Full PDB file with SEQRES, HELIX, SHEET, SSBOND, CRYST1, ORIGX, SCALE, CONECT and MASTER records, all heavy atoms in Angstrom:
SEQRES   1 A   32  SER GLY ARG ILE PHE SER LEU LEU ARG MET GLY TRP PHE          
SEQRES   2 A   32  ARG GLN ALA PRO GLY LYS GLU ARG GLU PHE VAL ALA THR          
SEQRES   3 A   32  ILE ASN GLY GLY ARG GLY                                      
HELIX    1 AA1 PHE A    5  LEU A    7  5                                   3    
SHEET    1 AA1 2 MET A  10  ARG A  14  0                                        
SHEET    2 AA1 2 GLU A  22  ILE A  27 -1                                        
CRYST1    1.000    1.000    1.000  90.00  90.00  90.00 P 1           1          
ORIGX1      1.000000  0.000000  0.000000        0.00000                         
ORIGX2      0.000000  1.000000  0.000000        0.00000                         
ORIGX3      0.000000  0.000000  1.000000        0.00000                         
SCALE1      1.000000  0.000000  0.000000        0.00000                         
SCALE2      0.000000  1.000000  0.000000        0.00000                         
SCALE3      0.000000  0.000000  1.000000        0.00000                         
ATOM      1  N   SER A   1     189.360 125.294 156.297  1.00  0.00           N  
ATOM      2  CA  SER A   1     189.566 125.562 157.741  1.00  0.00           C  
ATOM      3  C   SER A   1     188.987 126.918 158.067  1.00  0.00           C  
ATOM      4  O   SER A   1     188.812 127.789 157.228  1.00  0.00           O  
ATOM      5  CB  SER A   1     191.023 125.453 158.100  1.00  0.00           C  
ATOM      6  OG  SER A   1     191.784 126.521 157.472  1.00  0.00           O  
ATOM      7  N   GLY A   2     188.710 127.105 159.338  1.00  0.00           N  
ATOM      8  CA  GLY A   2     188.222 128.399 159.791  1.00  0.00           C  
ATOM      9  C   GLY A   2     186.741 128.313 160.274  1.00  0.00           C  
ATOM     10  O   GLY A   2     185.950 127.684 159.666  1.00  0.00           O  
ATOM     11  N   ARG A   3     186.504 129.076 161.270  1.00  0.00           N  
ATOM     12  CA  ARG A   3     185.155 129.103 161.833  1.00  0.00           C  
ATOM     13  C   ARG A   3     184.184 129.851 160.997  1.00  0.00           C  
ATOM     14  O   ARG A   3     182.930 129.756 161.221  1.00  0.00           O  
ATOM     15  CB  ARG A   3     185.179 129.683 163.280  1.00  0.00           C  
ATOM     16  CG  ARG A   3     185.933 128.862 164.226  1.00  0.00           C  
ATOM     17  CD  ARG A   3     185.915 129.469 165.627  1.00  0.00           C  
ATOM     18  NE  ARG A   3     186.592 128.649 166.596  1.00  0.00           N  
ATOM     19  CZ  ARG A   3     186.716 128.944 167.891  1.00  0.00           C  
ATOM     20  NH1 ARG A   3     186.236 130.080 168.372  1.00  0.00           N  
ATOM     21  NH2 ARG A   3     187.359 128.151 168.749  1.00  0.00           N  
ATOM     22  N   ILE A   4     184.665 130.666 160.072  1.00  0.00           N  
ATOM     23  CA  ILE A   4     183.775 131.439 159.211  1.00  0.00           C  
ATOM     24  C   ILE A   4     183.327 130.732 158.012  1.00  0.00           C  
ATOM     25  O   ILE A   4     182.600 131.254 157.171  1.00  0.00           O  
ATOM     26  CB  ILE A   4     184.446 132.794 158.805  1.00  0.00           C  
ATOM     27  CG1 ILE A   4     185.655 132.518 157.910  1.00  0.00           C  
ATOM     28  CG2 ILE A   4     184.799 133.616 160.047  1.00  0.00           C  
ATOM     29  CD1 ILE A   4     186.253 133.765 157.329  1.00  0.00           C  
ATOM     30  N   PHE A   5     183.732 129.448 157.861  1.00  0.00           N  
ATOM     31  CA  PHE A   5     183.396 128.715 156.624  1.00  0.00           C  
ATOM     32  C   PHE A   5     181.912 128.752 156.292  1.00  0.00           C  
ATOM     33  O   PHE A   5     181.522 128.977 155.172  1.00  0.00           O  
ATOM     34  CB  PHE A   5     183.857 127.256 156.739  1.00  0.00           C  
ATOM     35  CG  PHE A   5     183.309 126.424 155.631  1.00  0.00           C  
ATOM     36  CD1 PHE A   5     183.939 126.367 154.370  1.00  0.00           C  
ATOM     37  CD2 PHE A   5     182.207 125.571 155.824  1.00  0.00           C  
ATOM     38  CE1 PHE A   5     183.428 125.577 153.359  1.00  0.00           C  
ATOM     39  CE2 PHE A   5     181.712 124.793 154.804  1.00  0.00           C  
ATOM     40  CZ  PHE A   5     182.337 124.824 153.558  1.00  0.00           C  
ATOM     41  N   SER A   6     181.104 128.507 157.272  1.00  0.00           N  
ATOM     42  CA  SER A   6     179.660 128.452 157.013  1.00  0.00           C  
ATOM     43  C   SER A   6     179.087 129.721 156.508  1.00  0.00           C  
ATOM     44  O   SER A   6     177.974 129.762 155.954  1.00  0.00           O  
ATOM     45  CB  SER A   6     178.917 128.006 158.301  1.00  0.00           C  
ATOM     46  OG  SER A   6     179.073 128.975 159.363  1.00  0.00           O  
ATOM     47  N   LEU A   7     179.787 130.838 156.728  1.00  0.00           N  
ATOM     48  CA  LEU A   7     179.321 132.139 156.272  1.00  0.00           C  
ATOM     49  C   LEU A   7     179.687 132.437 154.821  1.00  0.00           C  
ATOM     50  O   LEU A   7     179.176 133.413 154.259  1.00  0.00           O  
ATOM     51  CB  LEU A   7     179.822 133.221 157.173  1.00  0.00           C  
ATOM     52  CG  LEU A   7     179.508 133.082 158.691  1.00  0.00           C  
ATOM     53  CD1 LEU A   7     180.213 134.258 159.460  1.00  0.00           C  
ATOM     54  CD2 LEU A   7     178.044 133.087 158.909  1.00  0.00           C  
ATOM     55  N   LEU A   8     180.607 131.681 154.299  1.00  0.00           N  
ATOM     56  CA  LEU A   8     181.217 132.022 152.996  1.00  0.00           C  
ATOM     57  C   LEU A   8     180.556 131.430 151.791  1.00  0.00           C  
ATOM     58  O   LEU A   8     180.182 130.229 151.853  1.00  0.00           O  
ATOM     59  CB  LEU A   8     182.700 131.671 153.028  1.00  0.00           C  
ATOM     60  CG  LEU A   8     183.542 132.298 154.112  1.00  0.00           C  
ATOM     61  CD1 LEU A   8     184.970 131.737 154.035  1.00  0.00           C  
ATOM     62  CD2 LEU A   8     183.583 133.822 153.987  1.00  0.00           C  
ATOM     63  N   ARG A   9     180.471 132.196 150.761  1.00  0.00           N  
ATOM     64  CA  ARG A   9     180.097 131.610 149.469  1.00  0.00           C  
ATOM     65  C   ARG A   9     181.265 130.876 148.969  1.00  0.00           C  
ATOM     66  O   ARG A   9     182.430 131.325 149.046  1.00  0.00           O  
ATOM     67  CB  ARG A   9     179.699 132.727 148.490  1.00  0.00           C  
ATOM     68  CG  ARG A   9     179.551 132.265 147.044  1.00  0.00           C  
ATOM     69  CD  ARG A   9     179.005 133.370 146.145  1.00  0.00           C  
ATOM     70  NE  ARG A   9     177.614 133.659 146.465  1.00  0.00           N  
ATOM     71  CZ  ARG A   9     176.570 132.993 145.962  1.00  0.00           C  
ATOM     72  NH1 ARG A   9     176.779 131.986 145.112  1.00  0.00           N  
ATOM     73  NH2 ARG A   9     175.349 133.332 146.284  1.00  0.00           N  
ATOM     74  N   MET A  10     181.026 129.655 148.380  1.00  0.00           N  
ATOM     75  CA  MET A  10     182.119 128.855 147.838  1.00  0.00           C  
ATOM     76  C   MET A  10     181.861 128.641 146.353  1.00  0.00           C  
ATOM     77  O   MET A  10     180.743 128.591 145.870  1.00  0.00           O  
ATOM     78  CB  MET A  10     182.138 127.502 148.537  1.00  0.00           C  
ATOM     79  CG  MET A  10     182.267 127.557 150.084  1.00  0.00           C  
ATOM     80  SD  MET A  10     183.902 128.278 150.582  1.00  0.00           S  
ATOM     81  CE  MET A  10     184.985 127.023 149.980  1.00  0.00           C  
ATOM     82  N   GLY A  11     182.981 128.470 145.642  1.00  0.00           N  
ATOM     83  CA  GLY A  11     182.913 128.262 144.206  1.00  0.00           C  
ATOM     84  C   GLY A  11     183.858 127.224 143.713  1.00  0.00           C  
ATOM     85  O   GLY A  11     184.938 126.993 144.290  1.00  0.00           O  
ATOM     86  N   TRP A  12     183.517 126.629 142.609  1.00  0.00           N  
ATOM     87  CA  TRP A  12     184.410 125.709 141.871  1.00  0.00           C  
ATOM     88  C   TRP A  12     184.756 126.324 140.555  1.00  0.00           C  
ATOM     89  O   TRP A  12     183.893 126.877 139.834  1.00  0.00           O  
ATOM     90  CB  TRP A  12     183.782 124.340 141.640  1.00  0.00           C  
ATOM     91  CG  TRP A  12     183.751 123.485 142.890  1.00  0.00           C  
ATOM     92  CD1 TRP A  12     182.714 123.277 143.749  1.00  0.00           C  
ATOM     93  CD2 TRP A  12     184.821 122.696 143.380  1.00  0.00           C  
ATOM     94  NE1 TRP A  12     183.042 122.413 144.699  1.00  0.00           N  
ATOM     95  CE2 TRP A  12     184.332 122.029 144.559  1.00  0.00           C  
ATOM     96  CE3 TRP A  12     186.114 122.446 142.958  1.00  0.00           C  
ATOM     97  CZ2 TRP A  12     185.099 121.126 145.277  1.00  0.00           C  
ATOM     98  CZ3 TRP A  12     186.914 121.568 143.717  1.00  0.00           C  
ATOM     99  CH2 TRP A  12     186.421 120.916 144.803  1.00  0.00           C  
ATOM    100  N   PHE A  13     186.016 126.292 140.188  1.00  0.00           N  
ATOM    101  CA  PHE A  13     186.512 126.765 138.926  1.00  0.00           C  
ATOM    102  C   PHE A  13     187.392 125.656 138.324  1.00  0.00           C  
ATOM    103  O   PHE A  13     187.858 124.767 139.035  1.00  0.00           O  
ATOM    104  CB  PHE A  13     187.368 128.048 139.099  1.00  0.00           C  
ATOM    105  CG  PHE A  13     186.578 129.199 139.565  1.00  0.00           C  
ATOM    106  CD1 PHE A  13     186.192 129.343 140.887  1.00  0.00           C  
ATOM    107  CD2 PHE A  13     186.198 130.236 138.676  1.00  0.00           C  
ATOM    108  CE1 PHE A  13     185.408 130.406 141.299  1.00  0.00           C  
ATOM    109  CE2 PHE A  13     185.468 131.317 139.094  1.00  0.00           C  
ATOM    110  CZ  PHE A  13     185.087 131.431 140.412  1.00  0.00           C  
ATOM    111  N   ARG A  14     187.631 125.781 137.033  1.00  0.00           N  
ATOM    112  CA  ARG A  14     188.508 124.789 136.380  1.00  0.00           C  
ATOM    113  C   ARG A  14     189.390 125.522 135.350  1.00  0.00           C  
ATOM    114  O   ARG A  14     188.995 126.511 134.806  1.00  0.00           O  
ATOM    115  CB  ARG A  14     187.716 123.660 135.756  1.00  0.00           C  
ATOM    116  CG  ARG A  14     186.879 124.069 134.577  1.00  0.00           C  
ATOM    117  CD  ARG A  14     185.965 122.939 134.116  1.00  0.00           C  
ATOM    118  NE  ARG A  14     185.081 123.340 133.019  1.00  0.00           N  
ATOM    119  CZ  ARG A  14     184.082 122.576 132.587  1.00  0.00           C  
ATOM    120  NH1 ARG A  14     183.800 121.409 133.148  1.00  0.00           N  
ATOM    121  NH2 ARG A  14     183.341 123.007 131.583  1.00  0.00           N  
ATOM    122  N   GLN A  15     190.540 124.936 135.105  1.00  0.00           N  
ATOM    123  CA  GLN A  15     191.487 125.502 134.194  1.00  0.00           C  
ATOM    124  C   GLN A  15     192.146 124.403 133.391  1.00  0.00           C  
ATOM    125  O   GLN A  15     192.826 123.553 133.936  1.00  0.00           O  
ATOM    126  CB  GLN A  15     192.568 126.316 134.912  1.00  0.00           C  
ATOM    127  CG  GLN A  15     193.490 127.121 134.032  1.00  0.00           C  
ATOM    128  CD  GLN A  15     194.305 128.133 134.771  1.00  0.00           C  
ATOM    129  OE1 GLN A  15     194.485 128.023 135.992  1.00  0.00           O  
ATOM    130  NE2 GLN A  15     194.795 129.102 134.063  1.00  0.00           N  
ATOM    131  N   ALA A  16     191.865 124.441 132.079  1.00  0.00           N  
ATOM    132  CA  ALA A  16     192.492 123.463 131.140  1.00  0.00           C  
ATOM    133  C   ALA A  16     193.880 124.028 130.739  1.00  0.00           C  
ATOM    134  O   ALA A  16     194.121 125.237 130.815  1.00  0.00           O  
ATOM    135  CB  ALA A  16     191.602 123.277 129.955  1.00  0.00           C  
ATOM    136  N   PRO A  17     194.758 123.161 130.320  1.00  0.00           N  
ATOM    137  CA  PRO A  17     196.072 123.613 129.888  1.00  0.00           C  
ATOM    138  C   PRO A  17     196.003 124.700 128.794  1.00  0.00           C  
ATOM    139  O   PRO A  17     195.314 124.545 127.840  1.00  0.00           O  
ATOM    140  CB  PRO A  17     196.729 122.345 129.311  1.00  0.00           C  
ATOM    141  CG  PRO A  17     196.044 121.228 130.078  1.00  0.00           C  
ATOM    142  CD  PRO A  17     194.634 121.711 130.215  1.00  0.00           C  
ATOM    143  N   GLY A  18     196.721 125.795 129.068  1.00  0.00           N  
ATOM    144  CA  GLY A  18     196.767 126.865 128.117  1.00  0.00           C  
ATOM    145  C   GLY A  18     195.527 127.728 128.047  1.00  0.00           C  
ATOM    146  O   GLY A  18     195.471 128.659 127.173  1.00  0.00           O  
ATOM    147  N   LYS A  19     194.596 127.513 128.935  1.00  0.00           N  
ATOM    148  CA  LYS A  19     193.350 128.261 128.887  1.00  0.00           C  
ATOM    149  C   LYS A  19     193.172 128.981 130.236  1.00  0.00           C  
ATOM    150  O   LYS A  19     193.824 128.694 131.256  1.00  0.00           O  
ATOM    151  CB  LYS A  19     192.163 127.365 128.644  1.00  0.00           C  
ATOM    152  CG  LYS A  19     192.189 126.667 127.276  1.00  0.00           C  
ATOM    153  CD  LYS A  19     190.938 125.834 127.040  1.00  0.00           C  
ATOM    154  CE  LYS A  19     190.991 125.222 125.674  1.00  0.00           C  
ATOM    155  NZ  LYS A  19     189.782 124.376 125.420  1.00  0.00           N  
ATOM    156  N   GLU A  20     192.279 129.956 130.190  1.00  0.00           N  
ATOM    157  CA  GLU A  20     191.987 130.765 131.418  1.00  0.00           C  
ATOM    158  C   GLU A  20     191.117 129.941 132.364  1.00  0.00           C  
ATOM    159  O   GLU A  20     190.344 129.070 131.967  1.00  0.00           O  
ATOM    160  CB  GLU A  20     191.276 132.044 131.064  1.00  0.00           C  
ATOM    161  CG  GLU A  20     192.142 133.013 130.255  1.00  0.00           C  
ATOM    162  CD  GLU A  20     191.451 134.318 130.015  1.00  0.00           C  
ATOM    163  OE1 GLU A  20     190.306 134.493 130.467  1.00  0.00           O  
ATOM    164  OE2 GLU A  20     192.043 135.209 129.368  1.00  0.00           O  
ATOM    165  N   ARG A  21     191.217 130.267 133.627  1.00  0.00           N  
ATOM    166  CA  ARG A  21     190.413 129.648 134.650  1.00  0.00           C  
ATOM    167  C   ARG A  21     188.988 130.104 134.470  1.00  0.00           C  
ATOM    168  O   ARG A  21     188.701 131.320 134.351  1.00  0.00           O  
ATOM    169  CB  ARG A  21     190.913 130.022 136.050  1.00  0.00           C  
ATOM    170  CG  ARG A  21     190.318 129.186 137.149  1.00  0.00           C  
ATOM    171  CD  ARG A  21     191.081 129.489 138.467  1.00  0.00           C  
ATOM    172  NE  ARG A  21     192.486 129.151 138.340  1.00  0.00           N  
ATOM    173  CZ  ARG A  21     193.370 129.260 139.349  1.00  0.00           C  
ATOM    174  NH1 ARG A  21     192.941 129.631 140.544  1.00  0.00           N  
ATOM    175  NH2 ARG A  21     194.666 128.965 139.160  1.00  0.00           N  
ATOM    176  N   GLU A  22     188.035 129.145 134.448  1.00  0.00           N  
ATOM    177  CA  GLU A  22     186.663 129.448 134.225  1.00  0.00           C  
ATOM    178  C   GLU A  22     185.747 129.007 135.366  1.00  0.00           C  
ATOM    179  O   GLU A  22     186.035 128.007 136.048  1.00  0.00           O  
ATOM    180  CB  GLU A  22     186.168 128.862 132.926  1.00  0.00           C  
ATOM    181  CG  GLU A  22     186.044 127.348 132.930  1.00  0.00           C  
ATOM    182  CD  GLU A  22     185.425 126.771 131.663  1.00  0.00           C  
ATOM    183  OE1 GLU A  22     184.843 127.524 130.896  1.00  0.00           O  
ATOM    184  OE2 GLU A  22     185.540 125.528 131.445  1.00  0.00           O  
ATOM    185  N   PHE A  23     184.683 129.737 135.544  1.00  0.00           N  
ATOM    186  CA  PHE A  23     183.715 129.411 136.558  1.00  0.00           C  
ATOM    187  C   PHE A  23     182.987 128.140 136.226  1.00  0.00           C  
ATOM    188  O   PHE A  23     182.670 127.904 135.055  1.00  0.00           O  
ATOM    189  CB  PHE A  23     182.714 130.585 136.623  1.00  0.00           C  
ATOM    190  CG  PHE A  23     181.465 130.248 137.381  1.00  0.00           C  
ATOM    191  CD1 PHE A  23     181.454 130.214 138.786  1.00  0.00           C  
ATOM    192  CD2 PHE A  23     180.293 129.899 136.723  1.00  0.00           C  
ATOM    193  CE1 PHE A  23     180.290 129.919 139.502  1.00  0.00           C  
ATOM    194  CE2 PHE A  23     179.133 129.629 137.392  1.00  0.00           C  
ATOM    195  CZ  PHE A  23     179.145 129.602 138.802  1.00  0.00           C  
ATOM    196  N   VAL A  24     182.703 127.345 137.261  1.00  0.00           N  
ATOM    197  CA  VAL A  24     181.955 126.096 137.056  1.00  0.00           C  
ATOM    198  C   VAL A  24     180.647 126.106 137.891  1.00  0.00           C  
ATOM    199  O   VAL A  24     179.565 125.866 137.360  1.00  0.00           O  
ATOM    200  CB  VAL A  24     182.794 124.872 137.486  1.00  0.00           C  
ATOM    201  CG1 VAL A  24     181.977 123.597 137.320  1.00  0.00           C  
ATOM    202  CG2 VAL A  24     184.035 124.763 136.544  1.00  0.00           C  
ATOM    203  N   ALA A  25     180.778 126.368 139.186  1.00  0.00           N  
ATOM    204  CA  ALA A  25     179.617 126.327 140.069  1.00  0.00           C  
ATOM    205  C   ALA A  25     179.890 127.129 141.310  1.00  0.00           C  
ATOM    206  O   ALA A  25     180.974 127.342 141.709  1.00  0.00           O  
ATOM    207  CB  ALA A  25     179.257 124.858 140.398  1.00  0.00           C  
ATOM    208  N   THR A  26     178.801 127.565 141.927  1.00  0.00           N  
ATOM    209  CA  THR A  26     178.910 128.305 143.172  1.00  0.00           C  
ATOM    210  C   THR A  26     177.722 127.983 144.102  1.00  0.00           C  
ATOM    211  O   THR A  26     176.622 127.633 143.578  1.00  0.00           O  
ATOM    212  CB  THR A  26     179.071 129.774 142.979  1.00  0.00           C  
ATOM    213  OG1 THR A  26     179.312 130.457 144.222  1.00  0.00           O  
ATOM    214  CG2 THR A  26     177.799 130.392 142.367  1.00  0.00           C  
ATOM    215  N   ILE A  27     177.905 128.142 145.365  1.00  0.00           N  
ATOM    216  CA  ILE A  27     176.868 127.903 146.359  1.00  0.00           C  
ATOM    217  C   ILE A  27     176.988 128.986 147.419  1.00  0.00           C  
ATOM    218  O   ILE A  27     178.060 129.388 147.840  1.00  0.00           O  
ATOM    219  CB  ILE A  27     176.994 126.484 146.953  1.00  0.00           C  
ATOM    220  CG1 ILE A  27     175.833 126.157 147.911  1.00  0.00           C  
ATOM    221  CG2 ILE A  27     178.333 126.308 147.741  1.00  0.00           C  
ATOM    222  CD1 ILE A  27     175.764 124.697 148.259  1.00  0.00           C  
ATOM    223  N   ASN A  28     175.861 129.478 147.800  1.00  0.00           N  
ATOM    224  CA  ASN A  28     175.844 130.572 148.762  1.00  0.00           C  
ATOM    225  C   ASN A  28     176.256 130.077 150.187  1.00  0.00           C  
ATOM    226  O   ASN A  28     176.243 128.900 150.504  1.00  0.00           O  
ATOM    227  CB  ASN A  28     174.463 131.200 148.839  1.00  0.00           C  
ATOM    228  CG  ASN A  28     173.359 130.258 149.391  1.00  0.00           C  
ATOM    229  OD1 ASN A  28     173.305 129.110 149.002  1.00  0.00           O  
ATOM    230  ND2 ASN A  28     172.528 130.828 150.243  1.00  0.00           N  
ATOM    231  N   GLY A  29     176.587 131.062 151.032  1.00  0.00           N  
ATOM    232  CA  GLY A  29     176.887 130.764 152.376  1.00  0.00           C  
ATOM    233  C   GLY A  29     175.643 130.408 153.205  1.00  0.00           C  
ATOM    234  O   GLY A  29     174.540 130.578 152.707  1.00  0.00           O  
ATOM    235  N   GLY A  30     175.885 129.977 154.415  1.00  0.00           N  
ATOM    236  CA  GLY A  30     174.749 129.573 155.245  1.00  0.00           C  
ATOM    237  C   GLY A  30     174.176 128.238 154.845  1.00  0.00           C  
ATOM    238  O   GLY A  30     174.848 127.234 154.785  1.00  0.00           O  
ATOM    239  N   ARG A  31     172.864 128.235 154.555  1.00  0.00           N  
ATOM    240  CA  ARG A  31     172.183 127.012 154.231  1.00  0.00           C  
ATOM    241  C   ARG A  31     172.640 126.341 152.952  1.00  0.00           C  
ATOM    242  O   ARG A  31     172.435 125.130 152.785  1.00  0.00           O  
ATOM    243  CB  ARG A  31     170.679 127.307 154.122  1.00  0.00           C  
ATOM    244  CG  ARG A  31     170.027 127.758 155.426  1.00  0.00           C  
ATOM    245  CD  ARG A  31     168.525 127.985 155.221  1.00  0.00           C  
ATOM    246  NE  ARG A  31     167.859 128.407 156.436  1.00  0.00           N  
ATOM    247  CZ  ARG A  31     166.581 128.692 156.543  1.00  0.00           C  
ATOM    248  NH1 ARG A  31     165.835 128.593 155.465  1.00  0.00           N  
ATOM    249  NH2 ARG A  31     166.081 129.089 157.668  1.00  0.00           N  
ATOM    250  N   GLY A  32     173.221 127.098 152.030  1.00  0.00           N  
ATOM    251  CA  GLY A  32     173.622 126.519 150.771  1.00  0.00           C  
ATOM    252  C   GLY A  32     172.401 126.185 149.967  1.00  0.00           C  
ATOM    253  O   GLY A  32     172.428 125.179 149.219  1.00  0.00           O  
TER     254      GLY A  32                                                      
MASTER        0    0    0    1    2    0    0    6  253    1    0    3          
END                                                                             
């Protein structure tokens, strides 16, 4: 939600049981 969504970089992370959250993928703001 929010009107600023299109401006924001977004990322996906994952966390397995007992492990640290790790980076998976990211996409830049704007055009993506």
